[in-house]
Amino acid sequence: MKLTDAQIERYSRQLILPNIGGKGQEKILNAKVLVIGAGGLGSPASLYLASAGVGKIGIVDSDKVEVNNLQRQIVHSTSTVGKPKVDSAKERLNAINPEIEIVPFNLRLTSANIMDIIKDYDIVVDGSDNFPTRFLVNDACVLAKKPLSHGGIFRFDGQAITILPGESACYRCLFPEPPPPGLVPSCQEAGILGVVAGIIGTIQANEVLKYILKTGDLLTGRLLVFNALDSSFRQVKVPKDPNCPVCGKNPTVTELIDYEQFCQVKPRSAAGGSDG
């Protein structure tokens, strides 16, 4: 495809970058990214992906916008309180970039629908806020061989890792099984500093753009850990686990299940914000 004069103007600051140029911008415009959760992580990730010109962005969330979301979920506004998050996000993203396609999925992700949803996308951004969804998304992406950007936030801390199924460690190489019920408090219980969500979500968007452009070094086999109180970043090596239950040599997870039942937790949006 040839960039139009309007596109050259809109993306001019990216086009002059030697790692992008016209060919790189065409890759971005042709890319399809699925964002799971229009919350704390999905908000900044989707805003920057839309601004960069990602041609098709799918957004999965079954929640409605609440006033207490606005402290961190910056894709929404006071005027969209009460609206489905996917509709609020679509409205905002198309206001920034009307030429891209935003596909809203106002639903809970389950083992029955996730494979059909992720199949049309090049890479998945996990901005979910609960362990059942994280494990479901990881397992689905590994089984479908879909690249995955994972992000997590808690109080003043955040983490991010990129997963290339078959090549790098997956989420289960870090955490083989979901934690027992009640062991880890949710962000609703423990709180979250809004800027932590912004920092990690933006890092996820950066990982997606690097993947699309095939430039730089992805956070594969490396968990990036951020602490807001001392403004520190550190990286922890995450080797591929040969005994991983989903991507190991002899996987025991060969089909998807819904982990709400497994974790004995009350079903919720499953693709709500990254922090509830």
C-alpha atoms as a PDB file:
ATOM      1  CA  MET A   1       0.000   0.000   0.000  1.00  0.00           C
ATOM      2  CA  LYS A   2       1.123   3.548  -0.612  1.00  0.00           C
ATOM      3  CA  LEU A   3       0.839   6.068   2.194  1.00  0.00           C
ATOM      4  CA  THR A   4      -1.543   8.944   1.534  1.00  0.00           C
ATOM      5  CA  ASP A   5      -0.532  12.567   2.076  1.00  0.00           C
ATOM      6  CA  ALA A   6      -2.730  12.613   5.184  1.00  0.00           C
ATOM      7  CA  GLN A   7      -0.986   9.517   6.573  1.00  0.00           C
ATOM      8  CA  ILE A   8       2.437  10.985   5.852  1.00  0.00           C
ATOM      9  CA  GLU A   9       1.437  14.057   7.858  1.00  0.00           C
ATOM     10  CA  ARG A  10      -0.135  12.094  10.719  1.00  0.00           C
ATOM     11  CA  TYR A  11       2.777   9.693  11.166  1.00  0.00           C
ATOM     12  CA  SER A  12       5.574  12.054  10.147  1.00  0.00           C
ATOM     13  CA  ARG A  13       7.474  11.762  13.449  1.00  0.00           C
ATOM     14  CA  GLN A  14       7.539   7.976  13.071  1.00  0.00           C
ATOM     15  CA  LEU A  15       8.362   8.005   9.382  1.00  0.00           C
ATOM     16  CA  ILE A  16      11.636   9.864   9.955  1.00  0.00           C
ATOM     17  CA  LEU A  17      12.874   7.172  12.332  1.00  0.00           C
ATOM     18  CA  PRO A  18      15.424   4.928  10.580  1.00  0.00           C
ATOM     19  CA  ASN A  19      13.887   1.793  12.141  1.00  0.00           C
ATOM     20  CA  ILE A  20      10.440   2.620  10.747  1.00  0.00           C
ATOM     21  CA  GLY A  21      10.218   4.707   7.578  1.00  0.00           C
ATOM     22  CA  GLY A  22       7.492   4.188   5.014  1.00  0.00           C
ATOM     23  CA  LYS A  23       7.779   0.387   4.958  1.00  0.00           C
ATOM     24  CA  GLY A  24       7.590   0.166   8.720  1.00  0.00           C
ATOM     25  CA  GLN A  25       4.545   2.400   8.853  1.00  0.00           C
ATOM     26  CA  GLU A  26       2.856   0.189   6.281  1.00  0.00           C
ATOM     27  CA  LYS A  27       3.506  -2.803   8.561  1.00  0.00           C
ATOM     28  CA  ILE A  28       1.873  -0.946  11.445  1.00  0.00           C
ATOM     29  CA  LEU A  29      -1.134   0.026   9.319  1.00  0.00           C
ATOM     30  CA  ASN A  30      -1.561  -3.601   8.233  1.00  0.00           C
ATOM     31  CA  ALA A  31      -1.204  -5.004  11.751  1.00  0.00           C
ATOM     32  CA  LYS A  32      -4.022  -6.509  13.827  1.00  0.00           C
ATOM     33  CA  VAL A  33      -3.732  -6.385  17.616  1.00  0.00           C
ATOM     34  CA  LEU A  34      -6.127  -7.780  20.227  1.00  0.00           C
ATOM     35  CA  VAL A  35      -6.227  -5.961  23.578  1.00  0.00           C
ATOM     36  CA  ILE A  36      -7.765  -7.958  26.411  1.00  0.00           C
ATOM     37  CA  GLY A  37      -9.116  -5.567  29.028  1.00  0.00           C
ATOM     38  CA  ALA A  38      -9.987  -1.903  28.512  1.00  0.00           C
ATOM     39  CA  GLY A  39      -8.734  -0.998  31.955  1.00  0.00           C
ATOM     40  CA  GLY A  40      -5.538   0.189  33.590  1.00  0.00           C
ATOM     41  CA  LEU A  41      -3.186  -1.578  31.178  1.00  0.00           C
ATOM     42  CA  GLY A  42      -5.411  -1.795  28.126  1.00  0.00           C
ATOM     43  CA  SER A  43      -6.084   1.954  28.215  1.00  0.00           C
ATOM     44  CA  PRO A  44      -2.529   3.245  27.631  1.00  0.00           C
ATOM     45  CA  ALA A  45      -1.637   0.287  25.425  1.00  0.00           C
ATOM     46  CA  SER A  46      -4.597   0.849  23.100  1.00  0.00           C
ATOM     47  CA  LEU A  47      -4.166   4.640  23.061  1.00  0.00           C
ATOM     48  CA  TYR A  48      -0.578   4.405  21.870  1.00  0.00           C
ATOM     49  CA  LEU A  49      -1.273   1.597  19.411  1.00  0.00           C
ATOM     50  CA  ALA A  50      -4.120   3.604  17.888  1.00  0.00           C
ATOM     51  CA  SER A  51      -1.969   6.734  17.754  1.00  0.00           C
ATOM     52  CA  ALA A  52       0.811   4.779  16.041  1.00  0.00           C
ATOM     53  CA  GLY A  53      -1.631   3.654  13.343  1.00  0.00           C
ATOM     54  CA  VAL A  54      -2.242  -0.023  14.072  1.00  0.00           C
ATOM     55  CA  GLY A  55      -4.841  -0.796  11.414  1.00  0.00           C
ATOM     56  CA  LYS A  56      -7.114  -3.077  13.431  1.00  0.00           C
ATOM     57  CA  ILE A  57      -7.464  -3.168  17.207  1.00  0.00           C
ATOM     58  CA  GLY A  58      -9.818  -5.601  18.908  1.00  0.00           C
ATOM     59  CA  ILE A  59     -10.842  -4.808  22.488  1.00  0.00           C
ATOM     60  CA  VAL A  60     -12.313  -7.410  24.854  1.00  0.00           C
ATOM     61  CA  ASP A  61     -14.112  -6.376  28.043  1.00  0.00           C
ATOM     62  CA  SER A  62     -17.508  -7.057  29.586  1.00  0.00           C
ATOM     63  CA  ASP A  63     -17.490  -4.311  32.231  1.00  0.00           C
ATOM     64  CA  LYS A  64     -19.071  -0.869  32.234  1.00  0.00           C
ATOM     65  CA  VAL A  65     -17.161   2.318  33.041  1.00  0.00           C
ATOM     66  CA  GLU A  66     -17.294   3.290  36.721  1.00  0.00           C
ATOM     67  CA  VAL A  67     -16.175   6.528  38.346  1.00  0.00           C
ATOM     68  CA  ASN A  68     -13.473   4.699  40.316  1.00  0.00           C
ATOM     69  CA  ASN A  69     -11.935   3.520  37.023  1.00  0.00           C
ATOM     70  CA  LEU A  70     -11.034   7.038  35.939  1.00  0.00           C
ATOM     71  CA  GLN A  71      -8.041   7.327  38.291  1.00  0.00           C
ATOM     72  CA  ARG A  72      -6.087   4.971  36.006  1.00  0.00           C
ATOM     73  CA  GLN A  73      -8.179   3.826  33.032  1.00  0.00           C
ATOM     74  CA  ILE A  74      -7.388   6.823  30.860  1.00  0.00           C
ATOM     75  CA  VAL A  75      -9.177   5.682  27.716  1.00  0.00           C
ATOM     76  CA  HIS A  76     -12.459   6.496  29.492  1.00  0.00           C
ATOM     77  CA  SER A  77     -13.916   9.784  30.743  1.00  0.00           C
ATOM     78  CA  THR A  78     -16.546  11.114  33.102  1.00  0.00           C
ATOM     79  CA  SER A  79     -18.958  11.421  30.175  1.00  0.00           C
ATOM     80  CA  THR A  80     -18.741   7.675  29.437  1.00  0.00           C
ATOM     81  CA  VAL A  81     -19.454   6.454  32.973  1.00  0.00           C
ATOM     82  CA  GLY A  82     -22.102   3.753  32.704  1.00  0.00           C
ATOM     83  CA  LYS A  83     -21.227   2.845  29.123  1.00  0.00           C
ATOM     84  CA  PRO A  84     -19.721  -0.518  28.184  1.00  0.00           C
ATOM     85  CA  LYS A  85     -15.957  -0.121  28.378  1.00  0.00           C
ATOM     86  CA  VAL A  86     -15.470  -1.407  24.840  1.00  0.00           C
ATOM     87  CA  ASP A  87     -17.809   1.257  23.452  1.00  0.00           C
ATOM     88  CA  SER A  88     -16.165   3.991  25.509  1.00  0.00           C
ATOM     89  CA  ALA A  89     -12.727   2.846  24.316  1.00  0.00           C
ATOM     90  CA  LYS A  90     -13.821   2.657  20.685  1.00  0.00           C
ATOM     91  CA  GLU A  91     -15.200   6.185  20.865  1.00  0.00           C
ATOM     92  CA  ARG A  92     -11.950   7.551  22.316  1.00  0.00           C
ATOM     93  CA  LEU A  93      -9.597   5.621  20.020  1.00  0.00           C
ATOM     94  CA  ASN A  94     -11.468   6.623  16.881  1.00  0.00           C
ATOM     95  CA  ALA A  95     -11.479  10.231  18.101  1.00  0.00           C
ATOM     96  CA  ILE A  96      -7.683  10.020  18.090  1.00  0.00           C
ATOM     97  CA  ASN A  97      -7.422   8.092  14.833  1.00  0.00           C
ATOM     98  CA  PRO A  98     -10.614   7.791  12.752  1.00  0.00           C
ATOM     99  CA  GLU A  99      -8.959   5.806   9.959  1.00  0.00           C
ATOM    100  CA  ILE A 100      -8.260   2.661  11.988  1.00  0.00           C
ATOM    101  CA  GLU A 101     -10.720  -0.168  12.706  1.00  0.00           C
ATOM    102  CA  ILE A 102     -11.728  -0.766  16.325  1.00  0.00           C
ATOM    103  CA  VAL A 103     -13.544  -4.047  16.967  1.00  0.00           C
ATOM    104  CA  PRO A 104     -15.351  -4.195  20.348  1.00  0.00           C
ATOM    105  CA  PHE A 105     -16.031  -7.532  22.065  1.00  0.00           C
ATOM    106  CA  ASN A 106     -18.447  -6.839  24.917  1.00  0.00           C
ATOM    107  CA  LEU A 107     -18.145 -10.282  26.472  1.00  0.00           C
ATOM    108  CA  ARG A 108     -16.332 -12.472  28.963  1.00  0.00           C
ATOM    109  CA  LEU A 109     -13.533 -14.548  27.577  1.00  0.00           C
ATOM    110  CA  THR A 110     -14.118 -18.263  28.069  1.00  0.00           C
ATOM    111  CA  SER A 111     -12.549 -21.490  26.908  1.00  0.00           C
ATOM    112  CA  ALA A 112     -15.403 -21.749  24.398  1.00  0.00           C
ATOM    113  CA  ASN A 113     -14.858 -18.397  22.631  1.00  0.00           C
ATOM    114  CA  ILE A 114     -11.246 -17.326  23.066  1.00  0.00           C
ATOM    115  CA  MET A 115      -9.726 -19.315  20.199  1.00  0.00           C
ATOM    116  CA  ASP A 116     -12.250 -17.934  17.749  1.00  0.00           C
ATOM    117  CA  ILE A 117     -11.499 -14.377  18.906  1.00  0.00           C
ATOM    118  CA  ILE A 118      -7.682 -14.489  18.874  1.00  0.00           C
ATOM    119  CA  LYS A 119      -7.371 -16.259  15.520  1.00  0.00           C
ATOM    120  CA  ASP A 120      -7.782 -13.064  13.476  1.00  0.00           C
ATOM    121  CA  TYR A 121      -5.027 -11.112  15.264  1.00  0.00           C
ATOM    122  CA  ASP A 122      -1.237 -10.974  14.904  1.00  0.00           C
ATOM    123  CA  ILE A 123      -0.439 -10.450  18.585  1.00  0.00           C
ATOM    124  CA  VAL A 124      -2.388 -10.315  21.861  1.00  0.00           C
ATOM    125  CA  VAL A 125      -2.025  -7.800  24.712  1.00  0.00           C
ATOM    126  CA  ASP A 126      -3.126  -9.205  28.069  1.00  0.00           C
ATOM    127  CA  GLY A 127      -4.324  -6.406  30.329  1.00  0.00           C
ATOM    128  CA  SER A 128      -6.623  -8.570  32.441  1.00  0.00           C
ATOM    129  CA  ASP A 129      -6.915  -8.234  36.198  1.00  0.00           C
ATOM    130  CA  ASN A 130      -7.353 -11.793  37.419  1.00  0.00           C
ATOM    131  CA  PHE A 131      -5.526 -15.110  37.396  1.00  0.00           C
ATOM    132  CA  PRO A 132      -8.253 -17.161  35.676  1.00  0.00           C
ATOM    133  CA  THR A 133      -8.103 -14.910  32.612  1.00  0.00           C
ATOM    134  CA  ARG A 134      -4.296 -14.689  32.594  1.00  0.00           C
ATOM    135  CA  PHE A 135      -3.938 -18.465  32.571  1.00  0.00           C
ATOM    136  CA  LEU A 136      -6.682 -18.880  29.971  1.00  0.00           C
ATOM    137  CA  VAL A 137      -5.100 -16.265  27.684  1.00  0.00           C
ATOM    138  CA  ASN A 138      -1.621 -17.742  28.081  1.00  0.00           C
ATOM    139  CA  ASP A 139      -2.799 -21.278  27.359  1.00  0.00           C
ATOM    140  CA  ALA A 140      -4.848 -20.190  24.341  1.00  0.00           C
ATOM    141  CA  CYS A 141      -1.973 -18.169  22.867  1.00  0.00           C
ATOM    142  CA  VAL A 142       0.506 -21.013  23.362  1.00  0.00           C
ATOM    143  CA  LEU A 143      -1.849 -23.555  21.787  1.00  0.00           C
ATOM    144  CA  ALA A 144      -2.667 -21.179  18.899  1.00  0.00           C
ATOM    145  CA  LYS A 145       0.994 -20.040  18.579  1.00  0.00           C
ATOM    146  CA  LYS A 146      -0.028 -16.386  19.000  1.00  0.00           C
ATOM    147  CA  PRO A 147       2.544 -13.910  20.366  1.00  0.00           C
ATOM    148  CA  LEU A 148       1.475 -12.446  23.695  1.00  0.00           C
ATOM    149  CA  SER A 149       2.413  -9.347  25.683  1.00  0.00           C
ATOM    150  CA  HIS A 150       1.657  -9.891  29.364  1.00  0.00           C
ATOM    151  CA  GLY A 151       1.446  -7.104  31.917  1.00  0.00           C
ATOM    152  CA  GLY A 152       0.591  -7.097  35.599  1.00  0.00           C
ATOM    153  CA  ILE A 153       0.303  -4.365  38.234  1.00  0.00           C
ATOM    154  CA  PHE A 154      -0.146  -4.313  42.011  1.00  0.00           C
ATOM    155  CA  ARG A 155       0.064  -1.359  44.404  1.00  0.00           C
ATOM    156  CA  PHE A 156       3.333   0.383  43.406  1.00  0.00           C
ATOM    157  CA  ASP A 157       4.715  -2.481  41.306  1.00  0.00           C
ATOM    158  CA  GLY A 158       4.386  -3.622  37.723  1.00  0.00           C
ATOM    159  CA  GLN A 159       5.786  -6.304  35.460  1.00  0.00           C
ATOM    160  CA  ALA A 160       5.846  -7.147  31.768  1.00  0.00           C
ATOM    161  CA  ILE A 161       7.054 -10.023  29.618  1.00  0.00           C
ATOM    162  CA  THR A 162       6.641 -10.938  25.956  1.00  0.00           C
ATOM    163  CA  ILE A 163       5.838 -14.514  25.013  1.00  0.00           C
ATOM    164  CA  LEU A 164       6.626 -16.072  21.637  1.00  0.00           C
ATOM    165  CA  PRO A 165       5.117 -19.575  21.787  1.00  0.00           C
ATOM    166  CA  GLY A 166       7.632 -22.262  20.854  1.00  0.00           C
ATOM    167  CA  GLU A 167      10.535 -19.854  21.239  1.00  0.00           C
ATOM    168  CA  SER A 168      10.425 -18.289  24.695  1.00  0.00           C
ATOM    169  CA  ALA A 169       9.132 -18.929  28.190  1.00  0.00           C
ATOM    170  CA  CYS A 170       5.384 -18.570  28.708  1.00  0.00           C
ATOM    171  CA  TYR A 171       3.425 -17.290  31.717  1.00  0.00           C
ATOM    172  CA  ARG A 172       3.204 -20.815  33.123  1.00  0.00           C
ATOM    173  CA  CYS A 173       7.003 -21.129  33.048  1.00  0.00           C
ATOM    174  CA  LEU A 174       6.843 -18.407  35.723  1.00  0.00           C
ATOM    175  CA  PHE A 175       3.680 -19.543  37.474  1.00  0.00           C
ATOM    176  CA  PRO A 176       2.810 -23.185  36.665  1.00  0.00           C
ATOM    177  CA  GLU A 177      -0.603 -23.088  38.375  1.00  0.00           C
ATOM    178  CA  PRO A 178      -3.016 -20.370  39.555  1.00  0.00           C
ATOM    179  CA  PRO A 179      -2.596 -19.422  43.233  1.00  0.00           C
ATOM    180  CA  PRO A 180      -5.016 -20.826  45.815  1.00  0.00           C
ATOM    181  CA  PRO A 181      -8.165 -18.764  46.389  1.00  0.00           C
ATOM    182  CA  GLY A 182      -7.609 -15.764  48.661  1.00  0.00           C
ATOM    183  CA  LEU A 183      -3.806 -15.983  48.698  1.00  0.00           C
ATOM    184  CA  VAL A 184      -3.218 -12.921  46.504  1.00  0.00           C
ATOM    185  CA  PRO A 185      -5.401  -9.845  47.128  1.00  0.00           C
ATOM    186  CA  SER A 186      -6.879  -8.133  44.095  1.00  0.00           C
ATOM    187  CA  CYS A 187      -6.115  -4.524  43.235  1.00  0.00           C
ATOM    188  CA  GLN A 188      -9.601  -3.687  44.455  1.00  0.00           C
ATOM    189  CA  GLU A 189      -8.467  -4.882  47.872  1.00  0.00           C
ATOM    190  CA  ALA A 190      -4.838  -3.721  47.799  1.00  0.00           C
ATOM    191  CA  GLY A 191      -5.013  -0.584  45.633  1.00  0.00           C
ATOM    192  CA  ILE A 192      -2.976   0.601  42.655  1.00  0.00           C
ATOM    193  CA  LEU A 193      -1.111   3.791  41.799  1.00  0.00           C
ATOM    194  CA  GLY A 194      -2.552   4.869  38.463  1.00  0.00           C
ATOM    195  CA  VAL A 195       0.758   5.851  36.865  1.00  0.00           C
ATOM    196  CA  VAL A 196       2.061   2.288  37.365  1.00  0.00           C
ATOM    197  CA  ALA A 197      -0.674   1.102  35.003  1.00  0.00           C
ATOM    198  CA  GLY A 198       0.341   3.795  32.523  1.00  0.00           C
ATOM    199  CA  ILE A 199       4.011   2.819  32.608  1.00  0.00           C
ATOM    200  CA  ILE A 200       3.437  -0.912  32.176  1.00  0.00           C
ATOM    201  CA  GLY A 201       0.688  -0.487  29.567  1.00  0.00           C
ATOM    202  CA  THR A 202       2.944   1.776  27.532  1.00  0.00           C
ATOM    203  CA  ILE A 203       5.733  -0.796  27.749  1.00  0.00           C
ATOM    204  CA  GLN A 204       3.295  -3.388  26.390  1.00  0.00           C
ATOM    205  CA  ALA A 205       2.455  -1.103  23.462  1.00  0.00           C
ATOM    206  CA  ASN A 206       6.182  -0.678  22.827  1.00  0.00           C
ATOM    207  CA  GLU A 207       6.646  -4.456  22.758  1.00  0.00           C
ATOM    208  CA  VAL A 208       3.802  -4.814  20.257  1.00  0.00           C
ATOM    209  CA  LEU A 209       5.256  -2.169  17.947  1.00  0.00           C
ATOM    210  CA  LYS A 210       8.715  -3.757  18.115  1.00  0.00           C
ATOM    211  CA  TYR A 211       7.154  -7.109  17.227  1.00  0.00           C
ATOM    212  CA  ILE A 212       5.261  -5.628  14.281  1.00  0.00           C
ATOM    213  CA  LEU A 213       8.354  -3.801  13.021  1.00  0.00           C
ATOM    214  CA  LYS A 214      10.741  -6.697  13.746  1.00  0.00           C
ATOM    215  CA  THR A 215      13.159  -4.269  15.375  1.00  0.00           C
ATOM    216  CA  GLY A 216      14.881  -4.069  18.759  1.00  0.00           C
ATOM    217  CA  ASP A 217      14.978  -6.754  21.436  1.00  0.00           C
ATOM    218  CA  LEU A 218      11.700  -8.071  22.781  1.00  0.00           C
ATOM    219  CA  LEU A 219      11.169  -8.886  26.451  1.00  0.00           C
ATOM    220  CA  THR A 220      11.294 -12.600  25.685  1.00  0.00           C
ATOM    221  CA  GLY A 221      12.822 -14.742  28.419  1.00  0.00           C
ATOM    222  CA  ARG A 222      13.021 -11.601  30.548  1.00  0.00           C
ATOM    223  CA  LEU A 223      10.538 -10.319  33.119  1.00  0.00           C
ATOM    224  CA  LEU A 224      10.743  -6.539  33.422  1.00  0.00           C
ATOM    225  CA  VAL A 225       9.919  -5.463  36.984  1.00  0.00           C
ATOM    226  CA  PHE A 226       9.141  -1.835  37.897  1.00  0.00           C
ATOM    227  CA  ASN A 227       8.789  -0.218  41.313  1.00  0.00           C
ATOM    228  CA  ALA A 228       7.305   3.262  41.466  1.00  0.00           C
ATOM    229  CA  LEU A 229       8.531   4.132  44.955  1.00  0.00           C
ATOM    230  CA  ASP A 230      12.213   4.086  44.002  1.00  0.00           C
ATOM    231  CA  SER A 231      11.697   4.442  40.231  1.00  0.00           C
ATOM    232  CA  SER A 232      13.670   1.258  39.628  1.00  0.00           C
ATOM    233  CA  PHE A 233      13.564  -1.143  36.723  1.00  0.00           C
ATOM    234  CA  ARG A 234      15.155  -4.566  36.861  1.00  0.00           C
ATOM    235  CA  GLN A 235      15.057  -7.629  34.667  1.00  0.00           C
ATOM    236  CA  VAL A 236      14.743 -11.223  35.773  1.00  0.00           C
ATOM    237  CA  LYS A 237      15.747 -13.986  33.384  1.00  0.00           C
ATOM    238  CA  VAL A 238      12.927 -16.448  32.725  1.00  0.00           C
ATOM    239  CA  PRO A 239      14.176 -19.583  30.979  1.00  0.00           C
ATOM    240  CA  LYS A 240      11.824 -21.886  29.143  1.00  0.00           C
ATOM    241  CA  ASP A 241      10.763 -24.600  31.586  1.00  0.00           C
ATOM    242  CA  PRO A 242      11.058 -28.076  30.003  1.00  0.00           C
ATOM    243  CA  ASN A 243       8.467 -29.247  32.545  1.00  0.00           C
ATOM    244  CA  CYS A 244       6.012 -26.414  31.841  1.00  0.00           C
ATOM    245  CA  PRO A 245       2.473 -27.859  31.807  1.00  0.00           C
ATOM    246  CA  VAL A 246       1.549 -26.060  28.556  1.00  0.00           C
ATOM    247  CA  CYS A 247       4.753 -25.362  26.565  1.00  0.00           C
ATOM    248  CA  GLY A 248       7.087 -28.021  28.005  1.00  0.00           C
ATOM    249  CA  LYS A 249       8.307 -31.238  26.411  1.00  0.00           C
ATOM    250  CA  ASN A 250       5.399 -33.283  27.754  1.00  0.00           C
ATOM    251  CA  PRO A 251       2.517 -30.822  28.209  1.00  0.00           C
ATOM    252  CA  THR A 252      -0.369 -31.795  30.453  1.00  0.00           C
ATOM    253  CA  VAL A 253      -2.501 -28.839  29.379  1.00  0.00           C
ATOM    254  CA  THR A 254      -3.689 -29.750  25.905  1.00  0.00           C
ATOM    255  CA  GLU A 255      -7.141 -28.189  25.970  1.00  0.00           C
ATOM    256  CA  LEU A 256      -8.600 -25.077  27.514  1.00  0.00           C
ATOM    257  CA  ILE A 257     -10.608 -24.895  30.721  1.00  0.00           C
ATOM    258  CA  ASP A 258     -12.290 -22.028  32.559  1.00  0.00           C
ATOM    259  CA  TYR A 259     -10.170 -21.283  35.599  1.00  0.00           C
ATOM    260  CA  GLU A 260     -12.873 -19.503  37.601  1.00  0.00           C
ATOM    261  CA  GLN A 261     -14.064 -22.937  38.661  1.00  0.00           C
ATOM    262  CA  PHE A 262     -10.523 -24.214  39.133  1.00  0.00           C
ATOM    263  CA  CYS A 263      -9.596 -21.220  41.306  1.00  0.00           C
ATOM    264  CA  GLN A 264     -12.891 -21.299  43.203  1.00  0.00           C
ATOM    265  CA  VAL A 265     -13.362 -17.593  42.568  1.00  0.00           C
ATOM    266  CA  LYS A 266     -16.540 -15.782  41.711  1.00  0.00           C
ATOM    267  CA  PRO A 267     -16.806 -15.295  37.928  1.00  0.00           C
ATOM    268  CA  ARG A 268     -16.399 -11.662  36.903  1.00  0.00           C
ATOM    269  CA  SER A 269     -15.680  -9.832  33.706  1.00  0.00           C
ATOM    270  CA  ALA A 270     -12.599 -11.983  32.983  1.00  0.00           C
ATOM    271  CA  ALA A 271     -11.539  -9.267  30.606  1.00  0.00           C
ATOM    272  CA  GLY A 272     -12.149  -6.286  32.792  1.00  0.00           C
ATOM    273  CA  GLY A 273      -9.490  -3.727  33.443  1.00  0.00           C
ATOM    274  CA  SER A 274      -6.017  -4.650  34.486  1.00  0.00           C
ATOM    275  CA  ASP A 275      -6.858  -3.626  38.002  1.00  0.00           C
ATOM    276  CA  GLY A 276     -10.562  -4.135  38.455  1.00  0.00           C
END
